[in-house]
Protein backbone atom coordinates (compact mmCIF):
# COMPACT_ATOMS: atom_id res chain seq x y z
CA MET A 1 37.59 107.77 6.92
CA LYS A 2 39.35 110.44 8.94
CA LYS A 3 37.32 112.88 10.95
CA ILE A 4 37.94 116.59 10.33
CA PHE A 5 37.87 118.71 13.47
CA LEU A 6 36.42 122.07 12.43
CA PHE A 7 36.31 123.68 15.87
CA PRO A 8 39.97 124.82 16.08
CA LEU A 9 39.81 126.03 12.50
CA LEU A 10 36.75 128.14 13.24
CA ILE A 11 38.47 129.72 16.19
CA ILE A 12 41.47 130.66 14.04
CA LEU A 13 39.24 132.13 11.33
CA SER A 14 37.29 134.10 13.94
CA ILE A 15 40.49 135.59 15.35
CA LEU A 16 41.75 136.55 11.91
CA THR A 17 38.41 138.11 11.00
CA ALA A 18 38.36 140.16 14.22
CA ALA A 19 41.89 141.36 13.59
CA CYS A 20 40.99 142.44 10.06
CA ALA A 21 37.91 144.28 11.33
CA ALA A 22 39.90 146.19 13.93
CA GLY A 23 42.35 147.51 11.32
CA PRO A 24 45.80 148.96 11.99
CA ILE A 25 46.61 150.94 15.11
CA GLN A 26 45.64 154.61 14.52
CA ASN A 27 47.89 157.54 15.37
CA TYR A 28 46.44 161.06 15.75
CA THR A 29 48.01 164.48 15.39
CA LEU A 30 47.54 167.84 17.09
CA THR A 31 48.14 170.99 15.03
CA TYR A 32 47.77 174.69 15.87
CA ASN A 33 46.17 177.30 13.60
CA ALA A 34 47.00 181.03 13.76
CA ASN A 35 43.36 181.89 12.91
CA GLY A 36 43.96 185.25 11.26
CA ALA A 37 47.08 186.37 13.13
CA SER A 38 48.87 189.29 11.51
CA SER A 39 52.34 188.13 12.60
CA GLY A 40 54.18 185.48 14.57
CA SER A 41 54.05 181.70 14.40
CA VAL A 42 52.09 178.88 16.02
CA PRO A 43 53.72 176.17 18.12
CA ALA A 44 54.53 172.89 16.39
CA ASP A 45 53.61 169.55 17.94
CA ASN A 46 55.48 166.90 15.94
CA ASN A 47 54.22 163.98 18.01
CA THR A 48 51.67 161.35 17.05
CA TYR A 49 49.28 160.01 19.65
CA LEU A 50 47.32 156.82 20.19
CA GLN A 51 43.62 157.21 20.82
CA ASP A 52 42.83 158.38 24.35
CA ALA A 53 46.41 159.47 24.92
CA THR A 54 46.73 162.53 27.16
CA VAL A 55 47.90 165.65 25.31
CA THR A 56 49.21 168.84 26.91
CA VAL A 57 48.23 172.10 25.17
CA MET A 58 51.21 174.22 24.19
CA SER A 59 51.78 177.92 24.84
CA SER A 60 51.66 180.66 22.22
CA THR A 61 55.41 181.22 22.22
CA GLY A 62 55.96 182.45 18.65
CA ASN A 63 54.99 186.11 19.22
CA LEU A 64 51.60 185.42 17.69
CA LEU A 65 49.81 188.77 17.23
CA LYS A 66 46.61 190.03 15.67
CA SER A 67 46.06 193.76 15.33
CA GLY A 68 43.37 194.97 17.74
CA TYR A 69 43.22 191.68 19.65
CA PHE A 70 45.14 189.62 22.13
CA PHE A 71 45.57 185.87 22.40
CA TYR A 72 43.08 184.44 24.88
CA SER A 73 43.16 180.64 24.49
CA TRP A 74 43.12 177.77 22.00
CA ASN A 75 39.76 176.55 20.71
CA THR A 76 38.57 173.55 18.73
CA ARG A 77 36.55 175.84 16.43
CA SER A 78 37.80 178.86 14.51
CA ASP A 79 34.83 180.98 15.65
CA GLY A 80 35.56 180.31 19.32
CA SER A 81 32.38 178.28 19.87
CA GLY A 82 34.12 174.97 20.54
CA THR A 83 36.03 173.65 23.53
CA SER A 84 38.51 176.18 24.90
CA TYR A 85 41.94 175.24 26.27
CA GLN A 86 44.47 177.37 28.07
CA PRO A 87 48.17 176.57 27.63
CA GLY A 88 49.05 173.74 30.01
CA ASN A 89 45.56 172.21 29.94
CA THR A 90 45.32 168.52 29.02
CA PHE A 91 42.79 166.44 27.08
CA GLN A 92 42.46 162.95 25.59
CA ILE A 93 42.92 162.84 21.85
CA GLY A 94 40.91 160.89 19.27
CA PRO A 95 39.05 159.45 17.51
CA ALA A 96 40.23 162.08 14.99
CA ASN A 97 43.09 164.49 14.41
CA VAL A 98 42.69 167.75 16.36
CA ILE A 99 43.20 171.33 15.19
CA LEU A 100 43.35 174.05 17.85
CA TYR A 101 42.67 177.60 16.65
CA ALA A 102 44.01 180.75 18.27
CA ASP A 103 41.08 182.36 20.07
CA TRP A 104 41.40 186.15 19.82
CA THR A 105 39.74 188.59 22.19
CA SER A 106 39.48 192.31 21.51
CA SER A 107 42.13 194.37 23.29
CA GLY A 108 40.68 195.87 26.46
CA SER A 109 37.87 193.35 26.77
CA VAL A 110 39.15 191.44 29.82
CA TRP A 111 40.09 193.48 32.91
CA THR A 112 41.54 192.84 36.33
CA SER A 113 41.78 195.21 39.28
CA ALA A 114 44.91 196.57 40.93
CA ALA A 115 45.41 198.48 44.16
CA LEU A 116 46.73 202.02 44.01
CA PRO A 117 48.69 203.17 47.07
CA ASP A 118 46.25 205.93 48.08
CA PHE A 119 42.59 206.80 47.94
CA ALA A 120 42.61 209.90 45.75
CA ASN A 121 41.08 211.71 42.78
CA TRP A 122 43.21 210.01 40.13
CA THR A 123 43.08 212.15 37.00
CA SER A 124 45.65 210.88 34.51
CA ALA A 125 48.31 208.29 33.70
CA ALA A 126 51.14 207.88 31.18
CA TYR A 127 53.74 205.29 30.19
CA GLY A 128 57.42 205.93 29.52
CA ASN A 129 60.89 204.80 30.54
CA ASN A 130 59.44 201.31 31.26
CA THR A 131 57.16 202.84 33.91
CA PHE A 132 53.51 203.73 34.33
CA VAL A 133 52.93 206.95 36.23
CA ALA A 134 49.51 207.90 37.61
CA ILE A 135 48.77 211.30 39.15
CA ALA A 136 45.98 212.66 41.30
CA GLN A 137 44.81 216.02 42.53
CA LEU A 138 46.72 217.56 45.44
CA GLY A 139 50.04 215.89 44.77
CA THR A 140 49.48 212.15 44.99
CA ALA A 141 51.29 210.00 42.43
CA ALA A 142 51.99 206.29 41.87
CA LEU A 143 54.47 204.19 39.88
CA SER A 144 54.15 200.75 38.31
CA PHE A 145 56.18 198.62 35.92
CA ASN A 146 53.33 196.29 34.96
CA GLY A 147 50.12 198.11 35.93
CA SER A 148 49.35 195.54 38.61
CA SER A 149 51.69 196.49 41.48
CA TRP A 150 51.93 200.19 42.37
CA THR A 151 54.14 202.17 44.73
CA ALA A 152 53.56 205.65 46.09
CA ALA A 153 55.27 208.76 44.77
CA SER A 154 54.67 212.45 45.38
CA LEU A 155 54.12 215.64 43.42
CA SER A 156 53.73 219.07 44.96
CA ASN A 157 50.58 219.15 47.08
CA PHE A 158 50.02 222.82 46.29
CA SER A 159 48.64 222.12 42.81
CA ASP A 160 45.51 220.52 41.41
CA TRP A 161 47.26 218.11 39.03
CA SER A 162 45.15 217.24 36.00
CA SER A 163 47.24 215.53 33.30
CA VAL A 164 50.56 213.81 32.64
CA ALA A 165 52.39 212.81 29.44
CA TYR A 166 55.75 211.30 28.52
CA GLY A 167 58.20 212.37 25.81
CA ASN A 168 61.80 213.36 25.18
CA GLY A 169 62.92 211.23 28.12
CA LYS A 170 60.71 212.77 30.80
CA PHE A 171 57.24 212.91 32.32
CA VAL A 172 55.49 216.28 32.27
CA ALA A 173 52.45 217.13 34.41
CA VAL A 174 50.16 220.18 34.30
CA ALA A 175 47.60 221.48 36.78
CA TYR A 176 44.35 223.39 37.04
CA GLY A 177 44.55 227.00 38.17
CA GLY A 178 47.88 228.75 37.64
CA THR A 179 51.06 228.41 35.63
CA THR A 180 52.41 225.28 37.30
CA ALA A 181 54.02 222.38 35.46
CA ALA A 182 56.28 219.62 36.70
CA THR A 183 58.91 217.40 35.08
CA SER A 184 60.42 214.08 36.10
CA PRO A 185 62.84 211.61 34.48
CA ASP A 186 61.38 208.63 36.32
CA GLY A 187 57.97 209.58 37.75
CA SER A 188 59.38 209.56 41.26
CA ASN A 189 61.56 212.68 41.49
CA TRP A 190 59.76 215.81 40.31
CA THR A 191 60.81 219.38 39.62
CA VAL A 192 57.99 221.94 39.80
CA ASN A 193 58.12 225.22 37.91
CA GLN A 194 55.81 228.15 37.21
CA ASN A 195 56.62 228.49 33.52
CA LEU A 196 53.32 227.91 31.75
CA PRO A 197 52.53 231.06 29.74
CA ALA A 198 49.10 231.85 31.20
CA ASN A 199 47.22 231.55 34.46
CA ALA A 200 44.68 228.94 33.39
CA ASP A 201 42.99 225.64 34.21
CA TRP A 202 45.38 223.44 32.28
CA SER A 203 43.33 220.33 31.66
CA CYS A 204 45.37 218.11 29.36
CA VAL A 205 48.91 217.66 28.08
CA THR A 206 50.17 215.33 25.33
CA PHE A 207 53.41 214.68 23.46
CA GLY A 208 54.07 214.31 19.75
CA GLY A 209 56.17 215.64 16.94
CA GLY A 210 59.01 216.34 19.37
CA LYS A 211 57.05 218.63 21.70
CA PHE A 212 54.58 218.78 24.57
CA VAL A 213 51.27 220.55 23.94
CA ALA A 214 48.80 221.55 26.66
CA VAL A 215 45.28 223.01 26.48
CA ALA A 216 43.22 224.80 29.13
CA TYR A 217 39.62 224.43 30.27
CA GLY A 218 37.78 227.70 29.69
CA GLY A 219 39.25 230.26 27.30
CA LEU A 220 41.69 230.28 24.40
CA ALA A 221 44.92 229.19 26.09
CA ALA A 222 47.21 226.51 24.71
CA ALA A 223 50.95 226.03 25.21
CA TYR A 224 53.80 224.11 23.62
CA SER A 225 57.28 223.13 24.81
CA ALA A 226 60.19 220.99 23.69
CA ASP A 227 61.30 220.10 27.21
CA GLY A 228 58.32 220.74 29.48
CA ILE A 229 60.21 223.58 31.17
CA GLY A 230 60.21 226.48 28.74
CA TRP A 231 56.73 227.06 27.35
CA ASN A 232 55.25 229.19 24.56
CA TYR A 233 51.71 230.54 24.36
CA ALA A 234 49.34 229.53 21.56
CA SER A 235 45.78 230.71 20.95
CA LEU A 236 42.98 228.24 20.28
CA PRO A 237 40.31 229.30 17.74
CA TYR A 238 37.39 229.24 20.20
CA SER A 239 36.96 230.16 23.82
CA ALA A 240 35.82 226.77 25.13
CA ASN A 241 36.22 224.19 27.87
CA TRP A 242 39.09 222.37 26.20
CA SER A 243 39.19 218.93 27.78
CA SER A 244 41.54 216.74 25.75
CA VAL A 245 44.36 216.95 23.21
CA VAL A 246 46.20 214.22 21.26
CA TYR A 247 48.89 213.93 18.60
CA GLY A 248 48.22 211.88 15.45
CA GLY A 249 48.96 211.57 11.78
CA SER A 250 47.71 215.08 10.97
CA GLY A 251 49.21 216.80 13.99
CA PHE A 252 47.51 217.85 17.21
CA VAL A 253 43.74 217.72 17.74
CA ALA A 254 41.80 219.15 20.71
CA VAL A 255 38.15 218.77 21.72
CA ALA A 256 36.04 220.71 24.22
CA TYR A 257 33.50 219.83 26.89
CA GLY A 258 30.05 221.27 26.12
CA GLY A 259 29.37 222.31 22.53
CA THR A 260 30.87 221.39 19.17
CA ALA A 261 34.30 223.04 19.44
CA ALA A 262 37.33 221.21 18.06
CA ALA A 263 40.70 222.45 16.82
CA TYR A 264 43.65 221.06 14.91
CA SER A 265 47.26 222.10 14.46
CA LEU A 266 50.26 220.74 12.58
CA SER A 267 52.74 222.16 15.07
CA GLY A 268 50.83 223.01 18.25
CA SER A 269 51.61 226.69 17.78
CA SER A 270 48.99 227.74 15.22
CA TRP A 271 45.47 226.30 15.49
CA ALA A 272 42.55 226.06 13.07
CA ALA A 273 38.87 225.70 13.95
CA ALA A 274 36.85 222.53 13.44
CA SER A 275 33.36 221.46 14.44
CA LEU A 276 32.21 218.24 16.06
CA PRO A 277 28.96 216.72 14.76
CA ALA A 278 26.88 217.34 17.89
CA SER A 279 26.81 219.64 20.89
CA GLU A 280 27.94 217.29 23.65
CA ASN A 281 30.28 217.03 26.61
CA TRP A 282 33.28 215.85 24.59
CA SER A 283 35.64 214.42 27.16
CA SER A 284 38.48 212.64 25.37
CA VAL A 285 40.14 212.20 21.98
CA ALA A 286 42.56 209.53 20.73
CA TYR A 287 44.36 208.69 17.49
CA GLY A 288 45.12 205.34 15.87
CA ASN A 289 44.53 203.24 12.78
CA GLY A 290 44.57 206.41 10.66
CA ILE A 291 41.69 208.16 12.44
CA TYR A 292 40.92 210.44 15.38
CA VAL A 293 38.16 209.25 17.72
CA ALA A 294 36.39 211.51 20.25
CA VAL A 295 33.94 210.34 22.91
CA ALA A 296 31.45 212.29 25.04
CA GLU A 297 29.61 211.80 28.30
CA TYR A 298 26.15 210.21 28.08
CA TYR A 299 26.14 210.17 24.30
CA SER A 300 25.31 207.05 22.27
CA ALA A 301 27.61 208.08 19.44
CA TYR A 302 31.18 209.16 18.97
CA ALA A 303 32.92 211.29 16.40
CA SER A 304 35.64 210.20 13.99
CA SER A 305 37.90 212.15 11.69
CA PRO A 306 40.70 211.26 9.26
CA ASN A 307 42.41 214.63 9.70
CA GLY A 308 41.01 216.47 12.75
CA SER A 309 39.24 218.93 10.47
CA THR A 310 36.14 217.10 9.22
CA TRP A 311 34.20 215.00 11.72
CA SER A 312 31.45 212.41 11.31
CA PRO A 313 29.11 210.88 13.91
CA GLN A 314 29.30 207.12 14.50
CA ASN A 315 27.19 204.82 16.64
CA LEU A 316 28.23 203.26 19.95
CA PRO A 317 26.60 200.18 21.52
CA ALA A 318 25.31 202.22 24.46
CA ALA A 319 25.12 205.67 26.00
CA SER A 320 27.23 206.07 29.11
CA GLY A 321 29.46 208.60 30.80
CA TRP A 322 32.36 208.03 28.42
CA SER A 323 35.27 209.79 30.07
CA GLY A 324 38.35 208.44 28.35
CA VAL A 325 39.48 206.80 25.11
CA THR A 326 42.91 205.65 23.98
CA TYR A 327 44.55 203.59 21.28
CA GLY A 328 46.97 200.69 21.67
CA ASN A 329 47.74 197.20 20.44
CA GLY A 330 45.89 197.96 17.20
CA GLY A 331 42.57 198.98 18.77
CA PHE A 332 40.62 201.66 20.63
CA VAL A 333 39.37 201.26 24.20
CA ALA A 334 37.00 203.62 26.02
CA VAL A 335 35.96 203.74 29.68
CA ALA A 336 32.95 205.34 31.36
CA TYR A 337 32.69 207.43 34.52
CA GLY A 338 30.50 205.83 37.19
CA GLY A 339 29.89 202.10 36.72
CA THR A 340 31.74 199.28 35.02
CA ALA A 341 31.18 200.08 31.32
CA ALA A 342 33.98 199.91 28.76
CA LEU A 343 34.11 199.60 24.98
CA THR A 344 36.63 198.03 22.62
CA SER A 345 37.11 198.43 18.88
CA PRO A 346 39.77 196.87 16.63
CA ASP A 347 39.22 199.49 13.92
CA GLY A 348 37.45 202.52 15.43
CA THR A 349 34.25 201.53 13.64
CA ASN A 350 32.93 198.32 15.19
CA TRP A 351 32.55 198.44 18.96
CA SER A 352 31.94 195.78 21.60
CA SER A 353 31.00 196.14 25.25
CA ALA A 354 33.37 195.15 28.04
CA THR A 355 33.22 195.22 31.83
CA LEU A 356 35.63 196.99 34.16
CA PRO A 357 36.53 195.21 37.42
CA GLY A 358 34.60 197.53 39.72
CA SER A 359 32.08 200.34 39.76
CA ALA A 360 34.05 203.57 40.00
CA GLY A 361 34.45 207.03 38.55
CA TRP A 362 36.80 205.86 35.81
CA SER A 363 38.40 209.07 34.66
CA PHE A 364 41.30 208.19 32.37
CA ILE A 365 42.78 205.38 30.27
CA THR A 366 46.22 204.98 28.73
CA PHE A 367 48.28 202.30 26.98
CA GLY A 368 51.87 201.13 27.31
CA ASN A 369 53.98 197.97 27.31
CA ASN A 370 51.01 195.99 25.88
CA PHE A 371 48.80 197.00 28.82
CA PHE A 372 45.77 199.26 29.04
CA ILE A 373 45.56 201.05 32.40
CA ALA A 374 42.50 202.90 33.71
CA VAL A 375 42.39 205.05 36.86
CA ALA A 376 39.38 206.37 38.75
CA ASP A 377 38.23 209.45 40.63
CA SER A 378 37.74 209.11 44.41
CA SER A 379 39.19 205.63 44.42
CA SER A 380 42.16 203.46 45.27
CA ILE A 381 41.78 200.97 42.42
CA ALA A 382 43.13 200.79 38.89
CA ALA A 383 42.04 198.52 36.07
CA VAL A 384 44.47 196.51 33.92
CA SER A 385 43.91 194.85 30.55
CA HIS A 386 46.15 193.43 27.85
């Protein structure tokens, strides 16, 4: 009788069983999710990866946009609570397919600091002709293409410059105390004239509807101009400390510091009275997303209006010295004077707190070229967000 040697057979069966238990080699995929983007496209990774393979996170190169937000990173969870990856980061994939979601952060929520060329009382800034222009009292000015690097410029040092705007191919600046205005095609070379129609503390100038409109602090004076050189007088409906004016869907709207005074105008030449919902130091007004938004110093609310005529109070997350508000990239951003407080809102209704890069007398905020820029009183720093 022949002997049967079972040992080699058992080894073979054991190997086959182990191979069956291990299963086929698994490939994993990495996909990107727009996570609520309003336009643009996500990158496509068409590779497959073995477990523990190193994967490099792709950039958001498809003009991915979401109104009121900017792209911050990629995240393994749609609510942003997972692992966050910046483009260029690497990780090991497996033991499952991976989806990375666009992680959106409210516009104006992340800030960095920039150095202005002089220590000055920076009062206003505007964007036009691919350039940011910031102005300060007593003639100091600065230019920047990206908000981060600034070079010095000069206005007349005989005027207390308060506000600058851009339109019709030029920058226009106005000043407190007198009839002085200045125009510049590039923010560097300025022409000063004495053509404003009243001797007044011109506090703010804006552009819209093909014309510049300026208002004055204390009194009834307003002015309008197609070119920033020849000006016409307009009378506001109240004698008030007019602090800010903006152009929006219903025309021009102005608010005043101290009290409830507001005014609106289709053309900038004839004004009608309106009333804000509380007697406060209303410092700034902006328009976007179909509404006007006004903020006030040390007030835990703001006012909103669909037309500049009827205003309603709304709640803010905190009371602070809100000195400026603007609209850009689909959202509102406000800054506060003295400290680091800022606010962001994608819709003018829901607000979130943000932190500016330094404690300063933040006096003004503007938007251009996908950047928010804030400047400060008695300072040499600016703040940049996108």
